[in-house]
Protein backbone atom coordinates (compact mmCIF):
# COMPACT_ATOMS: atom_id res chain seq x y z
CA MET A 1 49.67 -5.97 16.45
CA SER A 2 46.18 -7.19 15.91
CA GLY A 3 43.16 -5.03 16.38
CA VAL A 4 41.21 -5.13 19.43
CA SER A 5 37.12 -5.00 19.00
CA LEU A 6 35.24 -3.26 21.87
CA PHE A 7 32.23 -4.81 22.16
CA SER A 8 29.44 -3.31 24.84
CA GLN A 9 25.94 -4.66 25.57
CA GLU A 10 23.45 -3.67 28.23
CA PHE A 11 20.35 -6.03 29.26
CA PHE A 12 17.13 -4.38 29.60
CA TRP A 13 13.65 -5.21 30.73
CA ARG A 14 10.14 -3.79 30.61
CA ALA A 15 6.92 -3.90 32.92
CA GLY A 16 4.40 -2.14 30.72
CA PHE A 17 0.59 -2.00 31.92
CA ARG A 18 -2.29 -0.78 29.75
CA SER A 19 -6.02 -0.18 30.86
CA PHE A 20 -8.94 1.24 28.80
CA PHE A 21 -12.23 2.07 29.33
CA ASP A 22 -13.96 3.32 26.11
CA ASN A 23 -17.71 3.76 26.09
CA ILE A 24 -19.03 4.44 22.58
CA GLU A 25 -22.82 5.75 22.44
CA PHE A 26 -23.96 5.71 18.89
CA ALA A 27 -27.78 4.52 19.13
CA GLY A 28 -29.63 5.05 16.01
CA SER A 29 -26.55 5.65 13.78
CA GLU A 30 -26.41 3.66 10.34
CA VAL A 31 -22.56 3.77 10.01
CA LYS A 32 -21.59 2.79 13.53
CA ALA A 33 -22.49 0.87 16.37
CA SER A 34 -22.61 1.47 20.34
CA GLN A 35 -20.32 -0.31 22.24
CA THR A 36 -18.26 -0.39 25.42
CA MET A 37 -14.94 -1.75 25.36
CA ALA A 38 -12.86 -2.08 28.58
CA GLY A 39 -9.88 -4.07 29.66
CA VAL A 40 -6.23 -4.26 31.04
CA ILE A 41 -3.17 -5.51 29.03
CA VAL A 42 0.16 -6.78 30.76
CA VAL A 43 3.37 -6.22 28.66
CA PRO A 44 6.49 -7.87 30.09
CA GLU A 45 9.32 -7.72 27.95
CA ALA A 46 13.32 -7.93 28.09
CA GLY A 47 16.18 -7.85 25.67
CA PHE A 48 19.62 -6.57 24.71
CA THR A 49 21.22 -3.50 23.46
CA TRP A 50 24.79 -3.66 22.24
CA ASP A 51 27.18 -1.28 20.36
CA SER A 52 24.54 1.37 21.39
CA VAL A 53 22.53 0.84 17.73
CA HIS A 54 21.33 -2.57 17.96
CA THR A 55 18.31 -4.03 20.09
CA ILE A 56 16.87 -7.24 20.10
CA ALA A 57 13.83 -8.07 22.51
CA ALA A 58 10.89 -10.21 23.12
CA GLY A 59 7.86 -10.19 25.18
CA LEU A 60 3.93 -10.80 25.46
CA ASN A 61 0.75 -8.71 25.22
CA LEU A 62 -1.64 -10.41 27.65
CA ILE A 63 -5.29 -8.96 27.29
CA HIS A 64 -7.96 -9.68 29.77
CA GLU A 65 -11.25 -7.71 29.14
CA PHE A 66 -13.60 -6.52 32.14
CA GLY A 67 -16.17 -8.71 32.80
CA SER A 68 -14.71 -11.67 31.11
CA THR A 69 -14.62 -15.18 32.56
CA ASP A 70 -11.51 -15.86 30.58
CA GLY A 71 -8.12 -14.85 32.75
CA ILE A 72 -6.40 -14.28 29.61
CA GLY A 73 -8.74 -13.57 26.26
CA LYS A 74 -6.00 -12.80 24.01
CA ALA A 75 -2.19 -13.26 24.10
CA PHE A 76 0.09 -11.74 21.28
CA PRO A 77 3.78 -12.25 21.14
CA SER A 78 6.23 -9.94 20.24
CA ALA A 79 9.81 -10.37 19.08
CA TRP A 80 11.92 -7.75 17.33
CA TYR A 81 15.32 -6.54 16.07
CA ARG A 82 16.09 -2.63 15.87
CA TYR A 83 18.95 -0.79 14.18
CA SER A 84 18.97 2.84 14.95
CA ARG A 85 21.59 5.29 14.18
CA LYS A 86 20.46 8.59 13.23
CA PRO A 87 18.94 9.54 10.53
CA TYR A 88 17.84 5.74 10.29
CA THR A 89 15.80 3.32 12.09
CA PHE A 90 14.98 -0.39 11.24
CA VAL A 91 12.60 -2.57 13.03
CA MET A 92 11.85 -6.25 11.97
CA GLY A 93 9.81 -8.98 13.54
CA ALA A 94 6.85 -9.03 15.70
CA PHE A 95 6.92 -5.16 17.54
CA PRO A 96 4.42 -2.65 19.54
CA ARG A 97 2.04 -0.88 17.08
CA GLU A 98 3.20 2.93 18.53
CA ILE A 99 6.60 2.28 16.69
CA ALA A 100 4.84 2.64 13.19
CA LEU A 101 1.50 3.59 13.37
CA GLU A 102 0.90 5.92 16.25
CA LYS A 103 0.21 8.98 14.21
CA TYR A 104 -2.21 7.50 11.33
CA PRO A 105 -5.49 9.29 11.33
CA LYS A 106 -8.49 7.28 12.57
CA MET A 107 -9.95 6.90 9.01
CA PHE A 108 -7.02 4.63 8.48
CA PHE A 109 -7.00 2.79 11.74
CA GLN A 110 -9.38 3.02 14.41
CA ASP A 111 -8.93 3.49 18.19
CA SER A 112 -9.68 0.00 19.14
CA LEU A 113 -6.78 -1.77 17.15
CA SER A 114 -4.32 -0.31 19.96
CA TYR A 115 -6.18 -2.22 22.23
CA TYR A 116 -6.90 -5.72 20.41
CA ARG A 117 -4.23 -5.80 17.95
CA PRO A 118 -1.21 -3.98 19.63
CA VAL A 119 1.63 -5.70 17.57
CA VAL A 120 2.89 -5.40 13.92
CA ASN A 121 4.13 -8.29 12.24
CA GLY A 122 6.36 -7.16 9.63
CA ILE A 123 8.91 -4.05 8.79
CA PHE A 124 9.14 -0.67 9.63
CA PHE A 125 12.13 1.57 8.51
CA ARG A 126 12.39 5.21 9.02
CA ALA A 127 14.69 8.15 7.45
CA GLY A 128 14.93 11.61 8.95
CA ASP A 129 14.56 13.12 12.29
CA GLU A 130 11.10 14.15 14.12
CA GLY A 131 10.55 17.09 11.73
CA ARG A 132 11.45 15.67 8.50
CA TYR A 133 11.14 11.82 7.89
CA ALA A 134 9.69 9.19 5.78
CA ASN A 135 8.11 5.96 6.85
CA ILE A 136 8.01 2.58 4.99
CA TRP A 137 6.20 -0.45 6.94
CA LEU A 138 4.71 -3.66 5.94
CA ASP A 139 2.28 -5.46 8.66
CA TRP A 140 1.18 -9.10 7.55
CA THR A 141 -2.03 -9.46 9.22
CA GLY A 142 -3.14 -12.70 7.75
CA ARG A 143 -1.45 -16.02 7.04
CA GLN A 144 -3.24 -18.12 4.31
CA ALA A 145 -4.97 -21.08 5.93
CA GLU A 146 -8.17 -23.10 5.50
CA ASN A 147 -9.77 -20.41 7.64
CA VAL A 148 -7.55 -17.28 7.33
CA ARG A 149 -7.53 -15.16 4.40
CA GLU A 150 -4.17 -13.83 3.39
CA ALA A 151 -3.64 -10.17 4.19
CA PHE A 152 -1.23 -7.68 4.55
CA PHE A 153 -0.70 -3.96 4.54
CA VAL A 154 2.07 -2.01 2.96
CA GLY A 155 2.41 1.75 3.86
CA LEU A 156 4.09 4.99 3.50
CA SER A 157 4.01 8.19 5.55
CA GLY A 158 6.10 11.13 6.43
CA ARG A 159 6.26 14.75 7.33
CA TYR A 160 8.48 17.74 6.52
CA ASN A 161 8.66 20.98 8.48
CA ILE A 162 9.72 24.41 6.91
CA GLY A 163 9.49 27.10 9.80
CA ILE A 164 6.04 26.66 11.40
CA PHE A 165 4.63 25.29 8.04
CA TYR A 166 4.70 21.15 7.56
CA MET A 167 3.54 19.12 4.90
CA SER A 168 2.58 15.43 5.66
CA HIS A 169 1.34 12.41 3.86
CA PHE A 170 -0.33 9.00 5.30
CA SER A 171 -1.07 6.10 2.95
CA TYR A 172 -1.65 2.64 2.53
CA MET A 173 -2.18 -0.41 0.57
CA PHE A 174 -4.52 -3.68 2.14
CA HIS A 175 -4.16 -7.01 0.25
CA TYR A 176 -7.18 -9.11 1.04
CA ALA A 177 -6.94 -12.40 -0.77
CA SER A 178 -8.78 -15.97 -0.08
CA ARG A 179 -8.58 -18.80 2.31
CA LYS A 180 -6.51 -21.79 1.21
CA ASP A 181 -8.57 -24.34 -1.02
CA PRO A 182 -11.84 -21.85 -0.10
CA LEU A 183 -15.33 -24.01 -1.10
CA TRP A 184 -16.41 -21.09 -3.34
CA HIS A 185 -14.88 -18.47 -5.11
CA GLU A 186 -13.62 -15.36 -2.78
CA PRO A 187 -12.39 -12.44 -4.93
CA LEU A 188 -9.30 -10.69 -3.91
CA HIS A 189 -9.54 -7.15 -2.66
CA ASP A 190 -7.05 -4.34 -3.20
CA ASN A 191 -7.92 -1.23 -0.96
CA LEU A 192 -5.69 2.12 -1.34
CA LEU A 193 -5.97 5.23 0.94
CA MET A 194 -4.38 8.48 0.80
CA LEU A 195 -4.20 11.55 2.95
CA THR A 196 -2.03 14.50 1.89
CA SER A 197 -2.08 17.75 4.11
CA ALA A 198 -0.33 21.13 4.61
CA GLY A 199 -0.43 23.04 8.10
CA ALA A 200 1.15 25.04 10.62
CA ASP A 201 2.65 24.01 14.03
CA LEU A 202 2.66 27.20 16.48
CA SER A 203 3.74 24.74 19.16
CA GLY A 204 5.72 26.71 21.79
CA ARG A 205 5.29 30.17 20.25
CA THR A 206 2.26 31.35 22.07
CA ILE A 207 0.82 30.77 25.23
CA PHE A 208 -0.05 27.26 24.42
CA ASP A 209 2.06 24.04 24.66
CA LYS A 210 0.70 22.60 21.52
CA LEU A 211 -1.03 24.60 18.58
CA GLU A 212 -1.27 23.08 15.14
CA VAL A 213 -3.63 23.14 12.50
CA GLY A 214 -3.96 21.56 8.78
CA ALA A 215 -5.73 20.32 5.94
CA GLY A 216 -5.48 18.24 3.23
CA LEU A 217 -7.10 15.98 0.42
CA LEU A 218 -8.17 12.33 1.19
CA THR A 219 -8.24 9.75 -2.13
CA GLY A 220 -9.53 6.08 -1.72
CA LEU A 221 -9.02 3.44 -4.26
CA GLU A 222 -10.48 -0.19 -3.92
CA ARG A 223 -11.44 -2.96 -6.16
CA GLU A 224 -12.86 -6.44 -6.16
CA ARG A 225 -10.63 -8.52 -8.59
CA SER A 226 -13.85 -10.47 -10.33
CA GLY A 227 -15.42 -9.40 -13.45
CA SER A 228 -14.22 -6.18 -14.78
CA ALA A 229 -12.06 -5.29 -11.42
CA ASP A 230 -12.72 -1.57 -11.86
CA TRP A 231 -11.53 0.93 -9.13
CA ILE A 232 -13.69 2.37 -7.08
CA THR A 233 -12.52 6.17 -6.18
CA ARG A 234 -13.41 8.24 -3.12
CA HIS A 235 -12.35 11.83 -2.71
CA GLY A 236 -12.98 13.96 0.50
CA PHE A 237 -11.41 17.05 2.19
CA PHE A 238 -9.90 16.55 5.78
CA ALA A 239 -8.77 19.30 8.18
CA GLU A 240 -7.90 19.20 12.06
CA ALA A 241 -6.72 21.71 14.62
CA ARG A 242 -5.31 20.80 18.32
CA ALA A 243 -4.55 23.30 21.13
CA GLU A 244 -2.71 22.11 24.22
CA TYR A 245 -2.04 24.12 27.43
CA ARG A 246 -0.59 22.76 30.36
CA PHE A 247 -2.55 19.49 31.25
CA ALA A 248 -5.98 20.38 29.08
CA GLY A 249 -6.37 19.89 25.46
CA ILE A 250 -8.84 20.17 22.45
CA TYR A 251 -8.72 18.48 19.26
CA ASN A 252 -10.96 18.87 16.09
CA SER A 253 -11.26 16.76 13.10
CA PHE A 254 -13.51 17.48 10.08
CA TYR A 255 -14.44 15.30 7.09
CA ALA A 256 -16.33 15.97 3.88
CA GLY A 257 -16.52 14.18 0.67
CA GLU A 258 -17.67 10.83 -0.31
CA GLY A 259 -18.29 7.85 2.18
CA LEU A 260 -15.36 5.38 2.22
CA MET A 261 -15.61 1.74 2.64
CA HIS A 262 -17.64 0.69 -0.46
CA TYR A 263 -17.92 -3.10 0.66
CA TYR A 264 -18.32 -2.66 4.32
CA ASN A 265 -21.72 -3.96 4.74
CA ILE A 266 -20.09 -7.54 3.38
CA TYR A 267 -16.75 -7.49 4.98
CA GLU A 268 -17.11 -5.24 7.84
CA ASN A 269 -13.81 -4.85 9.90
CA ASN A 270 -12.12 -7.59 8.01
CA LEU A 271 -11.49 -5.63 5.13
CA TYR A 272 -11.68 -1.97 7.02
CA TRP A 273 -9.14 -1.26 9.97
CA GLY A 274 -10.26 2.83 10.07
CA ASP A 275 -13.44 4.17 11.79
CA PRO A 276 -16.59 3.18 10.06
CA VAL A 277 -17.84 6.63 10.67
CA TYR A 278 -15.98 7.78 7.42
CA ARG A 279 -18.74 5.83 5.53
CA ALA A 280 -20.78 9.10 5.96
CA ARG A 281 -20.49 12.12 3.64
CA MET A 282 -19.73 14.55 6.27
CA TYR A 283 -18.49 14.10 9.91
CA ASP A 284 -16.97 16.21 12.49
CA ARG A 285 -15.21 15.18 16.11
CA LEU A 286 -14.32 17.14 18.71
CA ASP A 287 -12.22 15.71 21.99
CA LEU A 288 -12.00 17.45 25.16
CA TYR A 289 -9.35 15.92 27.14
CA VAL A 290 -7.64 16.27 30.32
CA ASN A 291 -4.15 14.71 31.48
CA PHE A 292 -3.92 13.75 35.11
CA PHE A 293 -0.24 12.49 34.47
CA ARG A 294 1.79 12.96 31.71
CA ARG A 295 5.38 11.79 32.74
CA LYS A 296 7.35 9.10 31.04
CA ASP A 297 6.21 6.33 33.37
CA VAL A 298 2.80 7.13 33.84
CA ASP A 299 0.32 8.75 31.68
CA LEU A 300 -3.41 8.75 32.38
CA GLU A 301 -5.76 10.63 30.25
CA LEU A 302 -9.64 11.13 29.94
CA THR A 303 -11.39 12.46 26.77
CA TRP A 304 -14.91 13.10 26.16
CA SER A 305 -15.56 13.06 22.45
CA LEU A 306 -18.61 14.78 20.62
CA HIS A 307 -19.65 13.36 17.09
CA PHE A 308 -21.41 15.52 14.89
CA LEU A 309 -22.89 12.89 12.43
CA GLU A 310 -26.13 12.09 10.38
CA GLY A 311 -27.49 15.36 11.60
CA SER A 312 -27.42 14.16 15.15
CA LEU A 313 -24.98 14.25 18.10
CA TYR A 314 -23.46 11.28 19.73
CA GLN A 315 -20.79 10.96 22.50
CA GLU A 316 -18.07 8.85 23.67
CA GLN A 317 -16.00 8.75 26.99
CA LEU A 318 -12.40 7.19 27.07
CA LEU A 319 -10.21 6.75 30.02
CA LYS A 320 -6.76 5.31 29.13
CA LEU A 321 -3.91 4.53 31.81
CA LYS A 322 -0.18 3.45 30.53
CA ILE A 323 2.47 2.53 32.98
CA ASP A 324 5.93 1.88 31.73
CA ILE A 325 8.63 0.79 34.39
CA SER A 326 11.88 -0.26 32.79
CA SER A 327 15.44 -0.75 33.68
CA MET A 328 16.25 1.60 31.32
CA GLY A 329 14.21 4.42 32.57
CA ILE A 330 11.81 4.48 29.77
CA ALA A 331 9.96 1.66 27.71
CA ALA A 332 12.26 -0.05 25.66
CA GLY A 333 10.01 0.29 22.59
CA ARG A 334 8.56 3.67 22.71
CA ARG A 335 9.60 6.31 20.27
């Protein structure tokens, strides 16, 4: 008798909607400028899942900034394949940023990237579950051309829980090369950043829904491959704490050490994708936030941030809305 192969597949669609209003008040600061970012992102997507472990999807991220005369300011296509069978997940293509980089601290990736660079172009691999996992990822951000520098990220992150205690690690290497046939020499840059922390997670063990505290050491290495090409090293201490009860929460992060982003005055955000406040030797951020809705299909959050920097107090107000309507009940790409 010949064997019979059972093949099941399911079509799904998703209608994603994002809106943000981020007002950053840093007048007088030497490390960060004031600005207001506001807009809407529409994310239509559709795909197939088969044999319960394979998924292929394609869609668009259509961005319109408030006040702009352009109907669509930017459009980022997505097309990706995912294999998911516990304890492994593999994703390749152009896929949503939150799959790989949602948990990275802000010295690696600042908030605005989720607005204006919502898609990762590359590969993501995870081994493990939510409490014990390791991630490896690649994001190719620049294909070499006459007006585009070759650039890509390679990263490693992970977490290991032992009871209420945990260890976590975040790191990346950013390779920033020259354009095709440049008119003058453009030195290649290597930028590495690593944060290893330990802490305690008491979520669900007290009256708080979330209660977590951790601290670790940060190391930055960067070089410009010209002349001696010596590595420039930066070291610092980073601590953070979060508490949430029902619909409200508080989050505090503190950094003390050597200022990061040595070449920022030359290359700015082309070379550094983290928050430029970490150019300072000491920085504290306090977030007070309220979730008006926190459901699988609707998430509306208001955050008031106090930034203690350069001996001054700066403020930021952020309102974010996420809506995901899907034939599968949740957004197909969310983790």
